[in-house]
Protein backbone atom coordinates (compact mmCIF):
# COMPACT_ATOMS: atom_id res chain seq x y z
CA UNK A 1 25.40 -6.38 0.17
CA UNK A 2 22.34 -4.48 1.45
CA UNK A 3 19.13 -5.05 -0.60
CA UNK A 4 18.67 -2.41 -3.24
CA UNK A 5 15.24 -1.19 -1.91
CA UNK A 6 16.75 -0.77 1.62
CA UNK A 7 19.57 1.23 0.09
CA UNK A 8 17.19 3.54 -1.80
CA UNK A 9 15.05 3.94 1.33
CA UNK A 10 18.21 4.87 3.22
CA UNK A 11 18.68 7.79 0.70
CA UNK A 12 21.18 6.24 -1.69
CA UNK A 13 20.99 7.11 -5.39
CA UNK A 14 21.48 3.93 -7.39
CA UNK A 15 22.45 3.56 -11.00
CA UNK A 16 19.52 1.30 -11.68
CA UNK A 17 16.43 1.98 -9.43
CA UNK A 18 14.94 -1.10 -7.61
CA UNK A 19 11.45 -2.17 -8.99
CA UNK A 20 8.33 -3.59 -7.70
CA UNK A 21 4.65 -2.98 -8.62
CA UNK A 22 1.57 -2.40 -6.49
CA UNK A 23 -0.80 -5.23 -6.87
CA UNK A 24 2.02 -7.26 -8.58
CA UNK A 25 0.32 -10.45 -7.22
CA UNK A 26 -2.93 -10.11 -9.03
CA UNK A 27 -5.49 -10.99 -11.82
CA UNK A 28 -3.32 -10.07 -14.71
CA UNK A 29 -1.27 -13.29 -14.06
CA UNK A 30 -2.72 -16.65 -15.11
CA UNK A 31 -1.00 -18.41 -12.29
CA UNK A 32 -2.74 -16.04 -9.77
CA UNK A 33 -6.06 -16.77 -11.35
CA UNK A 34 -5.51 -20.47 -10.92
CA UNK A 35 -4.55 -20.12 -7.25
CA UNK A 36 -7.62 -17.81 -6.67
CA UNK A 37 -9.87 -20.50 -8.22
CA UNK A 38 -8.22 -23.11 -5.93
CA UNK A 39 -8.86 -20.92 -2.87
CA UNK A 40 -12.54 -20.60 -3.72
CA UNK A 41 -12.93 -16.92 -2.75
CA UNK A 42 -10.81 -13.93 -2.15
CA UNK A 43 -10.91 -13.91 1.65
CA UNK A 44 -10.05 -17.58 1.76
CA UNK A 45 -6.99 -16.76 -0.36
CA UNK A 46 -5.96 -13.97 2.13
CA UNK A 47 -6.46 -16.14 5.27
CA UNK A 48 -4.75 -19.31 3.87
CA UNK A 49 -1.12 -18.66 4.60
CA UNK A 50 0.32 -21.29 2.13
CA UNK A 51 -1.83 -19.90 -0.72
CA UNK A 52 -1.29 -16.24 0.16
CA UNK A 53 2.46 -16.90 0.35
CA UNK A 54 2.30 -18.55 -3.02
CA UNK A 55 0.63 -15.78 -4.83
CA UNK A 56 3.05 -13.28 -3.25
CA UNK A 57 5.94 -15.37 -4.64
CA UNK A 58 4.53 -15.78 -8.20
CA UNK A 59 5.62 -12.33 -9.54
CA UNK A 60 9.00 -12.79 -7.94
CA UNK A 61 9.65 -16.03 -9.67
CA UNK A 62 8.35 -14.66 -13.06
CA UNK A 63 9.96 -11.26 -13.05
CA UNK A 64 12.63 -11.04 -10.36
CA UNK A 65 11.22 -7.89 -8.79
CA UNK A 66 13.37 -6.39 -6.00
CA UNK A 67 10.50 -6.54 -3.51
CA UNK A 68 7.54 -8.70 -2.68
CA UNK A 69 4.60 -7.15 -0.99
CA UNK A 70 2.49 -9.28 1.30
CA UNK A 71 -0.76 -10.54 -0.29
CA UNK A 72 -3.63 -9.39 1.90
CA UNK A 73 -6.28 -6.66 1.87
CA UNK A 74 -6.62 -3.34 3.58
CA UNK A 75 -10.06 -4.38 4.90
CA UNK A 76 -8.83 -7.34 6.91
CA UNK A 77 -8.18 -4.88 9.81
CA UNK A 78 -11.84 -3.71 10.12
CA UNK A 79 -12.89 -7.23 9.94
CA UNK A 80 -10.54 -8.08 12.75
CA UNK A 81 -12.10 -5.04 14.76
CA UNK A 82 -15.48 -6.74 14.34
CA UNK A 83 -17.02 -5.45 11.17
CA UNK A 84 -18.66 -7.93 8.83
CA UNK A 85 -16.73 -8.24 5.51
CA UNK A 86 -17.64 -9.97 2.32
CA UNK A 87 -16.90 -9.62 -1.32
CA UNK A 88 -19.50 -9.40 -4.12
CA UNK A 89 -18.08 -10.91 -7.38
CA UNK A 90 -17.46 -8.08 -10.00
CA UNK A 91 -18.41 -5.39 -7.50
CA UNK A 92 -15.90 -5.50 -4.67
CA UNK A 93 -16.01 -5.33 -0.91
CA UNK A 94 -19.00 -4.92 1.37
CA UNK A 95 -18.85 -4.17 5.12
CA UNK A 96 -21.25 -3.61 7.96
CA UNK A 97 -21.40 0.21 8.47
CA UNK A 98 -20.09 2.35 11.37
CA UNK A 99 -21.99 5.64 11.35
CA UNK A 100 -22.87 6.20 15.00
CA UNK A 101 -21.15 6.34 18.31
CA UNK A 102 -23.01 3.16 19.37
CA UNK A 103 -21.86 1.22 16.31
CA UNK A 104 -18.24 2.37 16.96
CA UNK A 105 -18.51 1.35 20.71
CA UNK A 106 -19.63 -2.22 19.53
CA UNK A 107 -16.33 -2.74 17.67
CA UNK A 108 -13.63 -4.92 19.43
CA UNK A 109 -10.70 -3.12 21.18
CA UNK A 110 -7.54 -2.89 19.16
CA UNK A 111 -5.86 -5.67 21.27
CA UNK A 112 -8.32 -8.17 19.93
CA UNK A 113 -7.16 -8.00 16.25
CA UNK A 114 -4.45 -10.48 16.31
CA UNK A 115 -6.73 -13.52 16.68
CA UNK A 116 -8.28 -12.80 13.29
CA UNK A 117 -5.04 -11.57 11.68
CA UNK A 118 -2.87 -14.47 12.86
CA UNK A 119 -2.93 -16.08 9.40
CA UNK A 120 -1.59 -12.94 7.88
CA UNK A 121 1.39 -13.05 10.28
CA UNK A 122 1.99 -16.65 9.37
CA UNK A 123 2.11 -15.68 5.66
CA UNK A 124 4.74 -13.14 6.48
CA UNK A 125 6.78 -15.81 8.32
CA UNK A 126 6.51 -18.24 5.30
CA UNK A 127 7.69 -15.43 2.90
CA UNK A 128 10.55 -14.46 5.14
CA UNK A 129 11.86 -17.95 4.78
CA UNK A 130 11.04 -18.55 1.12
CA UNK A 131 11.90 -15.28 -0.62
CA UNK A 132 15.22 -15.03 -2.34
CA UNK A 133 17.81 -13.49 -0.11
CA UNK A 134 18.11 -10.33 -2.20
CA UNK A 135 14.34 -9.71 -2.29
CA UNK A 136 12.77 -7.25 0.24
CA UNK A 137 9.64 -8.18 2.05
CA UNK A 138 7.17 -5.32 2.30
CA UNK A 139 4.24 -5.48 4.76
CA UNK A 140 1.31 -2.99 4.50
CA UNK A 141 -1.82 -1.63 5.84
CA UNK A 142 -4.54 0.91 4.77
CA UNK A 143 -4.17 4.40 6.25
CA UNK A 144 -7.02 5.23 8.77
CA UNK A 145 -8.92 7.71 6.54
CA UNK A 146 -9.02 5.29 3.60
CA UNK A 147 -10.03 2.43 5.79
CA UNK A 148 -12.68 4.56 7.53
CA UNK A 149 -14.29 5.58 4.17
CA UNK A 150 -15.11 1.87 3.56
CA UNK A 151 -16.21 1.28 7.09
CA UNK A 152 -18.64 4.26 7.05
CA UNK A 153 -20.04 3.73 3.58
CA UNK A 154 -19.93 -0.10 3.68
CA UNK A 155 -18.32 -0.14 0.30
CA UNK A 156 -16.05 1.79 -1.90
CA UNK A 157 -17.51 5.04 -3.14
CA UNK A 158 -16.46 7.42 -5.99
CA UNK A 159 -16.21 10.53 -3.76
CA UNK A 160 -16.00 9.19 -0.16
CA UNK A 161 -19.19 11.08 0.39
CA UNK A 162 -20.50 9.12 3.38
CA UNK A 163 -17.20 9.63 5.28
CA UNK A 164 -17.15 13.34 4.49
CA UNK A 165 -20.77 13.54 5.69
CA UNK A 166 -20.06 11.85 8.98
CA UNK A 167 -17.00 14.06 9.48
CA UNK A 168 -19.18 17.09 9.01
CA UNK A 169 -22.17 15.97 11.12
CA UNK A 170 -20.40 14.11 14.05
CA UNK A 171 -16.66 14.94 14.10
CA UNK A 172 -16.38 13.49 17.59
CA UNK A 173 -17.43 9.96 16.44
CA UNK A 174 -15.49 10.24 13.16
CA UNK A 175 -12.29 11.33 15.06
CA UNK A 176 -12.73 8.46 17.48
CA UNK A 177 -12.97 5.94 14.60
CA UNK A 178 -9.69 7.44 13.05
CA UNK A 179 -8.04 7.23 16.54
CA UNK A 180 -9.10 3.46 16.87
CA UNK A 181 -7.79 2.75 13.37
CA UNK A 182 -4.61 4.60 13.99
CA UNK A 183 -3.77 2.61 17.18
CA UNK A 184 -4.82 -0.70 15.61
CA UNK A 185 -2.66 -0.09 12.54
CA UNK A 186 0.40 0.42 14.68
CA UNK A 187 -0.27 -2.95 16.34
CA UNK A 188 -1.03 -4.64 13.05
CA UNK A 189 2.05 -3.35 11.17
CA UNK A 190 4.30 -4.07 14.24
CA UNK A 191 3.17 -7.64 14.23
CA UNK A 192 4.03 -7.86 10.46
CA UNK A 193 7.46 -6.61 11.26
CA UNK A 194 7.91 -9.09 14.15
CA UNK A 195 6.92 -11.87 11.76
CA UNK A 196 9.62 -10.75 9.16
CA UNK A 197 8.46 -7.81 7.16
CA UNK A 198 11.57 -5.49 6.49
CA UNK A 199 9.64 -2.44 5.16
CA UNK A 200 5.95 -1.42 5.67
CA UNK A 201 3.81 0.75 3.40
CA UNK A 202 0.79 2.87 4.33
CA UNK A 203 -1.83 3.10 1.59
CA UNK A 204 -3.95 6.24 1.84
CA UNK A 205 -5.70 5.64 -1.46
CA UNK A 206 -8.42 8.35 -0.86
CA UNK A 207 -6.10 10.89 0.62
CA UNK A 208 -6.66 13.25 -2.29
CA UNK A 209 -10.34 13.90 -1.30
CA UNK A 210 -9.24 15.54 2.00
CA UNK A 211 -8.63 19.20 1.64
CA UNK A 212 -7.04 21.95 3.86
CA UNK A 213 -7.07 21.25 7.65
CA UNK A 214 -8.85 17.92 7.08
CA UNK A 215 -5.85 16.73 5.12
CA UNK A 216 -3.67 17.71 8.11
CA UNK A 217 -6.03 16.21 10.73
CA UNK A 218 -6.89 12.84 8.99
CA UNK A 219 -4.07 12.15 6.56
CA UNK A 220 -0.90 13.77 7.90
CA UNK A 221 -1.33 13.36 11.63
CA UNK A 222 -2.45 9.72 11.59
CA UNK A 223 0.49 8.93 9.31
CA UNK A 224 2.89 10.71 11.67
CA UNK A 225 1.40 8.81 14.70
CA UNK A 226 1.67 5.42 12.96
CA UNK A 227 5.23 6.11 11.76
CA UNK A 228 6.44 7.43 15.15
CA UNK A 229 4.78 4.43 16.90
CA UNK A 230 6.35 1.86 14.54
CA UNK A 231 9.80 3.46 14.71
CA UNK A 232 9.60 3.60 18.52
CA UNK A 233 9.05 -0.16 18.55
CA UNK A 234 11.36 -0.94 15.62
CA UNK A 235 14.14 1.54 15.37
CA UNK A 236 15.45 1.84 11.78
CA UNK A 237 12.21 0.44 10.22
CA UNK A 238 11.75 1.96 6.80
CA UNK A 239 8.22 3.28 6.02
CA UNK A 240 6.76 4.16 2.61
CA UNK A 241 3.79 6.42 2.74
CA UNK A 242 1.25 6.69 -0.27
CA UNK A 243 -1.15 9.68 0.09
CA UNK A 244 -2.62 9.05 -3.27
CA UNK A 245 -3.60 12.17 -5.38
CA UNK A 246 -2.33 14.51 -2.65
CA UNK A 247 -1.08 16.83 -5.44
CA UNK A 248 0.77 19.75 -3.80
CA UNK A 249 0.40 18.12 -0.47
CA UNK A 250 3.02 15.57 -1.42
CA UNK A 251 5.51 18.38 -0.88
CA UNK A 252 6.88 17.97 2.66
CA UNK A 253 4.81 14.92 3.52
CA UNK A 254 7.90 12.92 4.34
CA UNK A 255 9.35 15.57 6.52
CA UNK A 256 6.19 16.05 8.50
CA UNK A 257 5.30 12.37 8.99
CA UNK A 258 8.81 10.84 9.25
CA UNK A 259 8.25 8.55 6.20
CA UNK A 260 11.38 7.33 4.54
CA UNK A 261 9.85 7.46 1.06
CA UNK A 262 6.74 8.96 -0.56
CA UNK A 263 4.95 7.06 -3.16
CA UNK A 264 3.27 9.21 -5.80
CA UNK A 265 0.46 8.52 -8.29
CA UNK A 266 0.52 9.52 -11.91
CA UNK A 267 -1.60 12.57 -11.57
CA UNK A 268 1.61 14.57 -11.04
CA UNK A 269 4.47 14.34 -13.39
CA UNK A 270 7.78 12.65 -12.52
CA UNK A 271 9.62 15.79 -13.29
CA UNK A 272 7.57 17.85 -10.89
CA UNK A 273 7.97 15.18 -8.08
CA UNK A 274 11.73 15.08 -8.71
CA UNK A 275 11.88 18.73 -8.17
CA UNK A 276 9.50 19.20 -5.28
CA UNK A 277 9.26 15.86 -3.41
CA UNK A 278 12.49 13.95 -4.11
CA UNK A 279 14.61 16.79 -2.51
CA UNK A 280 13.35 15.39 0.91
CA UNK A 281 14.44 11.82 0.17
CA UNK A 282 13.33 8.69 -1.61
CA UNK A 283 10.36 8.83 -4.00
CA UNK A 284 8.50 5.76 -5.34
CA UNK A 285 6.64 5.79 -8.60
CA UNK A 286 5.04 6.70 -10.90
CA UNK A 287 4.41 5.01 -14.33
CA UNK A 288 0.89 5.13 -15.58
CA UNK A 289 -0.59 1.69 -15.10
CA UNK A 290 -2.59 1.89 -18.20
CA UNK A 291 0.63 1.70 -20.27
CA UNK A 292 0.88 -1.96 -19.18
CA UNK A 293 -2.28 -2.62 -21.03
CA UNK A 294 -1.47 -0.65 -24.18
CA UNK A 295 2.27 -1.41 -24.38
CA UNK A 296 4.18 -0.55 -27.43
CA UNK A 297 6.77 2.12 -27.93
CA UNK A 298 5.00 4.58 -25.55
CA UNK A 299 5.46 2.12 -22.68
CA UNK A 300 9.17 1.92 -23.20
CA UNK A 301 9.50 5.70 -23.71
CA UNK A 302 7.45 6.56 -20.63
CA UNK A 303 9.35 4.01 -18.54
CA UNK A 304 12.62 5.54 -19.51
CA UNK A 305 11.29 9.05 -18.90
CA UNK A 306 10.23 8.25 -15.31
CA UNK A 307 13.55 6.55 -14.64
CA UNK A 308 15.47 9.44 -16.03
CA UNK A 309 13.38 12.14 -14.13
CA UNK A 310 14.28 10.51 -10.76
CA UNK A 311 17.86 9.63 -11.77
CA UNK A 312 19.53 12.25 -9.56
CA UNK A 313 18.11 11.06 -6.25
CA UNK A 314 16.87 8.06 -4.34
CA UNK A 315 14.12 6.31 -6.31
CA UNK A 316 12.15 3.03 -6.28
CA UNK A 317 10.50 2.41 -9.60
CA UNK A 318 6.76 1.59 -9.37
CA UNK A 319 3.43 2.49 -10.93
CA UNK A 320 1.32 5.41 -10.00
CA UNK A 321 -1.42 2.99 -8.81
CA UNK A 322 -1.97 -0.83 -8.92
CA UNK A 323 -1.43 -2.77 -12.06
CA UNK A 324 -4.87 -3.65 -13.59
CA UNK A 325 -6.33 -6.99 -14.42
CA UNK A 326 -6.23 -6.13 -18.20
CA UNK A 327 -2.43 -5.65 -18.17
CA UNK A 328 -0.37 -7.88 -20.45
CA UNK A 329 2.19 -9.83 -18.53
CA UNK A 330 4.60 -9.45 -21.43
CA UNK A 331 4.42 -5.65 -21.07
CA UNK A 332 5.66 -6.01 -17.49
CA UNK A 333 8.66 -7.82 -18.76
CA UNK A 334 9.22 -5.07 -21.30
CA UNK A 335 9.01 -2.40 -18.59
CA UNK A 336 11.53 -4.23 -16.45
CA UNK A 337 14.02 -4.59 -19.43
CA UNK A 338 13.61 -0.89 -20.16
CA UNK A 339 14.64 0.02 -16.63
CA UNK A 340 17.43 -2.58 -16.25
CA UNK A 341 18.66 -2.23 -19.78
């Protein structure tokens, strides 16, 4: 029997939606924290295939999710292109910055990424062998705009201001960076598929800060190019797109880009998304992650509300953003029980 997530992605409405969670392998789990300590640092965990595969498998063993998502980070790609990358404890990632045409020209060509990213592909190969036969393996990458915001600022920012500033001051260099990331992302995701990923997801975490024509040029068009490029190489490959906080721009996103599913955040209601987005196909989402911290009756009620809102079309149950480190593992089990009954 075809895996439930693949059925939903193909447009089938299922009596019980398949379930997985963004960041399901993460700091809320004690077994993850133990493996992270064993690895020594975050990047070592990402680049050690046995350990990265183990943390990917941990939430599958604990909860029986319908999908596992490769454990990696969206900033491994800029590192593979030649950017310096390191993580500051308690603060997050830092990168060497790309703000000029000369700095962009100093990056490696897209064909050079695979040497650095080879351990990631090995992790995918291990998972393809070790996952339960009914569990779908999802590969992923950051979308070009989101990855570019980190490369330009050298870190995460609240408003993506440095990227917007470069886009305004030197649109030629900015667009060239987006082009490089678009082409490299096609190669990166294609290599994940060749290693065994069955579905890929494109995370555009900062898509919501793009407005008007900029959304078209730097969120829609790169996603369309990536999806077309992947489907040309891998006919039938399902792709999930997540233009987070796109609001009204969620409407029609799947049709324009060719995505098989649009993941939605919890800044829009499930009822609105069912009426406006799900009519074009599968929707993934969109429980508020904070409910996995607070729990209680509201968690159960909201889980059921999301499930019921999307019950008349293809749906993959997920959160509106990644699960947070403060979440209670027991609340995850309660959420799953509320969905599966």
